Amino acid sequence: MSTPSPHGRSRIAALAVALAAASALTLTACDDDSGGSSTSSDTPTAPDTASFSGNAASALASAKASVRAEASKRAASASAAASSFEASVSAEVERANTAARIELAKVDGQGNAMSDVTMTGKPRSETGGLLAVVVTITNKTDKTASYAAQVDFLDSSGKVVETRYVGAEDLKPGEKAQPVAVSRKPADPVLTPKLAKAQRY
């Protein structure tokens, strides 16, 4: 094989230099395209906060929603407790209360048993927030008797806004009964219970 001339050797050397330069440029382009490190002259950009899922506004809205949900849950719970209390009272004394209302419709004045009946307020914590009074009826006679009592609920001006009836049947001498009179009116404004009538029959 013949040896290349000096002129041919210089062409080969120039071609080699050109290929090396092209290779270097290709590697640089690959680094840039693949997300390689940038030079110190690059200008940093601010992050796109719109893409954040945990920003302050959404966190505040979430907290408010949680508070509203908790308040609604408590209100529903209180309402259920009130309904449950009233249902238990009604189931226990409904027949006696109906008889008391019928009996008191015949009575003029306050009746003959006011001294046999007293009232005591029942804590709202035990009634689901309802206004309720325990009506204590004591048979102070020497014979078996039934009793009817009327409880009026008055507003701050003394006006009767609600009336409830309770009763106790066939109490033996000295025996005591404690039916509960429950107001169905809202807690506000505050009402005052008053024993309006009491009849022994």
Protein backbone atom coordinates (compact mmCIF):
# COMPACT_ATOMS: atom_id res chain seq x y z
CA MET A 1 0.00 0.00 0.00
CA SER A 2 1.35 3.48 -0.90
CA THR A 3 2.15 6.09 1.75
CA PRO A 4 -0.09 9.23 1.64
CA SER A 5 1.56 12.38 0.39
CA PRO A 6 2.18 15.29 2.77
CA HIS A 7 -0.74 17.12 1.23
CA GLY A 8 -3.04 14.15 1.81
CA ARG A 9 -1.88 13.84 5.45
CA SER A 10 -2.81 17.46 6.13
CA ARG A 11 -6.31 16.89 4.75
CA ILE A 12 -6.78 13.87 6.98
CA ALA A 13 -5.65 15.86 10.04
CA ALA A 14 -8.09 18.69 9.25
CA LEU A 15 -10.92 16.22 8.86
CA ALA A 16 -10.11 14.68 12.25
CA VAL A 17 -10.24 18.11 13.93
CA ALA A 18 -13.60 18.87 12.31
CA LEU A 19 -15.05 15.55 13.49
CA ALA A 20 -13.86 16.18 17.06
CA ALA A 21 -15.48 19.62 17.09
CA ALA A 22 -18.75 18.20 15.75
CA SER A 23 -18.73 15.54 18.45
CA ALA A 24 -18.25 18.17 21.16
CA LEU A 25 -21.21 20.22 19.85
CA THR A 26 -23.44 17.13 19.76
CA LEU A 27 -22.63 16.28 23.38
CA THR A 28 -23.43 19.84 24.49
CA ALA A 29 -26.77 19.79 22.69
CA CYS A 30 -27.64 16.46 24.30
CA ASP A 31 -26.87 17.83 27.76
CA ASP A 32 -29.17 20.82 27.17
CA ASP A 33 -32.01 18.71 25.77
CA SER A 34 -31.87 16.18 28.58
CA GLY A 35 -32.18 18.78 31.32
CA GLY A 36 -28.48 18.90 32.23
CA SER A 37 -26.95 21.54 34.46
CA SER A 38 -27.24 25.08 33.16
CA THR A 39 -24.60 27.74 33.22
CA SER A 40 -24.38 30.36 35.96
CA SER A 41 -25.69 32.99 33.57
CA ASP A 42 -29.21 31.43 33.50
CA THR A 43 -31.87 33.62 35.23
CA PRO A 44 -33.98 31.74 37.86
CA THR A 45 -37.77 31.94 37.48
CA ALA A 46 -40.39 32.12 40.26
CA PRO A 47 -42.36 28.93 40.94
CA ASP A 48 -45.88 28.71 39.58
CA THR A 49 -47.93 28.95 42.82
CA ALA A 50 -51.18 28.30 40.96
CA SER A 51 -50.16 24.65 40.74
CA PHE A 52 -49.75 24.31 44.53
CA SER A 53 -52.43 22.14 46.16
CA GLY A 54 -51.83 23.29 49.74
CA ASN A 55 -52.02 27.08 49.46
CA ALA A 56 -53.22 29.21 52.40
CA ALA A 57 -56.57 30.15 50.84
CA SER A 58 -57.65 26.54 50.35
CA ALA A 59 -56.48 25.60 53.85
CA LEU A 60 -58.59 28.42 55.37
CA ALA A 61 -61.64 27.41 53.33
CA SER A 62 -61.18 23.81 54.47
CA ALA A 63 -60.99 24.90 58.12
CA LYS A 64 -64.18 26.98 57.80
CA ALA A 65 -66.01 24.08 56.18
CA SER A 66 -64.88 21.80 59.00
CA VAL A 67 -66.19 24.23 61.65
CA ARG A 68 -69.55 24.55 59.88
CA ALA A 69 -69.85 20.78 59.59
CA GLU A 70 -69.09 20.34 63.30
CA ALA A 71 -71.65 23.02 64.30
CA SER A 72 -74.28 21.37 62.10
CA LYS A 73 -73.49 17.99 63.62
CA ARG A 74 -73.87 19.35 67.16
CA ALA A 75 -77.17 21.06 66.31
CA ALA A 76 -78.52 17.84 64.83
CA SER A 77 -77.36 15.93 67.89
CA ALA A 78 -79.09 18.39 70.26
CA SER A 79 -82.29 18.24 68.22
CA ALA A 80 -82.23 14.44 68.31
CA ALA A 81 -81.65 14.49 72.09
CA ALA A 82 -84.61 16.85 72.59
CA SER A 83 -86.87 14.70 70.44
CA SER A 84 -85.78 11.58 72.26
CA PHE A 85 -86.45 13.12 75.68
CA GLU A 86 -89.87 14.42 74.68
CA ALA A 87 -90.82 11.08 73.12
CA SER A 88 -89.90 9.20 76.29
CA VAL A 89 -91.97 11.56 78.42
CA SER A 90 -94.94 11.43 76.07
CA ALA A 91 -94.92 7.64 75.86
CA GLU A 92 -94.86 7.39 79.63
CA VAL A 93 -97.68 9.77 80.57
CA GLU A 94 -99.76 10.42 77.44
CA ARG A 95 -102.92 8.70 78.69
CA ALA A 96 -102.78 10.42 82.10
CA ASN A 97 -102.16 13.80 80.46
CA THR A 98 -105.18 13.37 78.17
CA ALA A 99 -107.34 12.49 81.15
CA ALA A 100 -105.99 15.54 83.02
CA ARG A 101 -106.89 17.89 80.17
CA ILE A 102 -110.43 16.51 80.00
CA GLU A 103 -110.88 16.78 83.78
CA LEU A 104 -109.56 20.32 84.01
CA ALA A 105 -111.95 21.48 81.30
CA LYS A 106 -114.69 20.99 83.88
CA VAL A 107 -112.94 23.04 86.57
CA ASP A 108 -113.66 26.67 87.36
CA GLY A 109 -110.89 28.56 89.11
CA GLN A 110 -107.65 26.92 90.20
CA GLY A 111 -109.13 23.62 91.39
CA ASN A 112 -109.16 21.83 94.76
CA ALA A 113 -105.59 20.45 94.84
CA MET A 114 -103.19 23.39 94.45
CA SER A 115 -101.62 22.58 97.82
CA ASP A 116 -100.91 19.00 96.71
CA VAL A 117 -98.80 20.01 93.72
CA THR A 118 -95.32 21.60 93.45
CA MET A 119 -92.99 22.22 90.52
CA THR A 120 -89.21 21.98 90.07
CA GLY A 121 -87.20 22.92 86.99
CA LYS A 122 -85.36 20.16 85.18
CA PRO A 123 -81.79 20.89 83.93
CA ARG A 124 -81.71 21.56 80.19
CA SER A 125 -78.63 19.33 79.98
CA GLU A 126 -80.97 16.41 80.68
CA THR A 127 -83.74 17.48 78.28
CA GLY A 128 -81.85 18.16 75.06
CA GLY A 129 -82.20 21.92 75.70
CA LEU A 130 -85.98 21.90 76.21
CA LEU A 131 -87.69 23.80 79.02
CA ALA A 132 -89.19 21.16 81.30
CA VAL A 133 -90.54 21.08 84.84
CA VAL A 134 -91.09 18.16 87.16
CA VAL A 135 -94.60 18.37 88.61
CA THR A 136 -94.66 16.64 91.99
CA ILE A 137 -98.14 15.45 92.96
CA THR A 138 -98.69 14.06 96.46
CA ASN A 139 -101.94 12.50 97.62
CA LYS A 140 -102.37 14.10 101.02
CA THR A 141 -105.80 12.57 101.63
CA ASP A 142 -106.72 9.24 103.25
CA LYS A 143 -108.30 7.87 100.07
CA THR A 144 -107.05 6.81 96.65
CA ALA A 145 -107.37 9.71 94.21
CA SER A 146 -106.41 10.87 90.73
CA TYR A 147 -104.94 14.28 89.93
CA ALA A 148 -104.83 16.70 87.03
CA ALA A 149 -102.54 19.72 86.75
CA GLN A 150 -102.25 22.55 84.24
CA VAL A 151 -98.88 24.25 83.67
CA ASP A 152 -98.82 27.56 81.79
CA PHE A 153 -95.63 28.90 80.24
CA LEU A 154 -95.45 32.70 80.38
CA ASP A 155 -93.32 35.19 78.47
CA SER A 156 -91.59 38.18 80.09
CA SER A 157 -94.82 40.23 79.97
CA GLY A 158 -96.78 37.53 81.82
CA LYS A 159 -98.70 36.40 78.74
CA VAL A 160 -99.49 32.68 78.44
CA VAL A 161 -97.84 31.41 75.26
CA GLU A 162 -98.22 27.69 75.90
CA THR A 163 -100.20 25.36 78.16
CA ARG A 164 -99.35 21.78 79.09
CA TYR A 165 -101.32 19.22 81.09
CA VAL A 166 -100.03 16.43 83.30
CA GLY A 167 -101.78 13.95 85.56
CA ALA A 168 -101.46 11.00 87.90
CA GLU A 169 -104.10 8.33 88.33
CA ASP A 170 -105.11 6.23 91.32
CA LEU A 171 -102.54 7.49 93.83
CA LYS A 172 -102.87 5.81 97.20
CA PRO A 173 -102.86 7.91 100.40
CA GLY A 174 -99.40 9.44 100.82
CA GLU A 175 -98.28 8.22 97.38
CA LYS A 176 -96.36 10.58 95.09
CA ALA A 177 -96.07 10.96 91.31
CA GLN A 178 -93.72 13.17 89.28
CA PRO A 179 -94.88 13.71 85.70
CA VAL A 180 -92.94 16.17 83.53
CA ALA A 181 -94.43 19.16 81.69
CA VAL A 182 -92.36 19.99 78.59
CA SER A 183 -92.53 23.22 76.58
CA ARG A 184 -92.25 22.86 72.81
CA LYS A 185 -91.37 26.51 72.32
CA PRO A 186 -87.84 27.68 71.31
CA ALA A 187 -85.34 28.28 74.11
CA ASP A 188 -85.32 32.01 73.34
CA PRO A 189 -87.11 34.02 74.60
CA VAL A 190 -87.01 32.37 78.00
CA LEU A 191 -90.42 31.31 79.36
CA THR A 192 -91.50 30.95 82.97
CA PRO A 193 -93.61 27.94 84.04
CA LYS A 194 -96.57 28.53 86.36
CA LEU A 195 -98.98 26.10 88.01
CA ALA A 196 -102.37 27.37 86.82
CA LYS A 197 -104.73 24.60 87.99
CA ALA A 198 -104.67 21.42 90.06
CA GLN A 199 -107.66 19.18 90.56
CA ARG A 200 -108.14 16.05 92.66
CA TYR A 201 -110.92 13.72 91.47
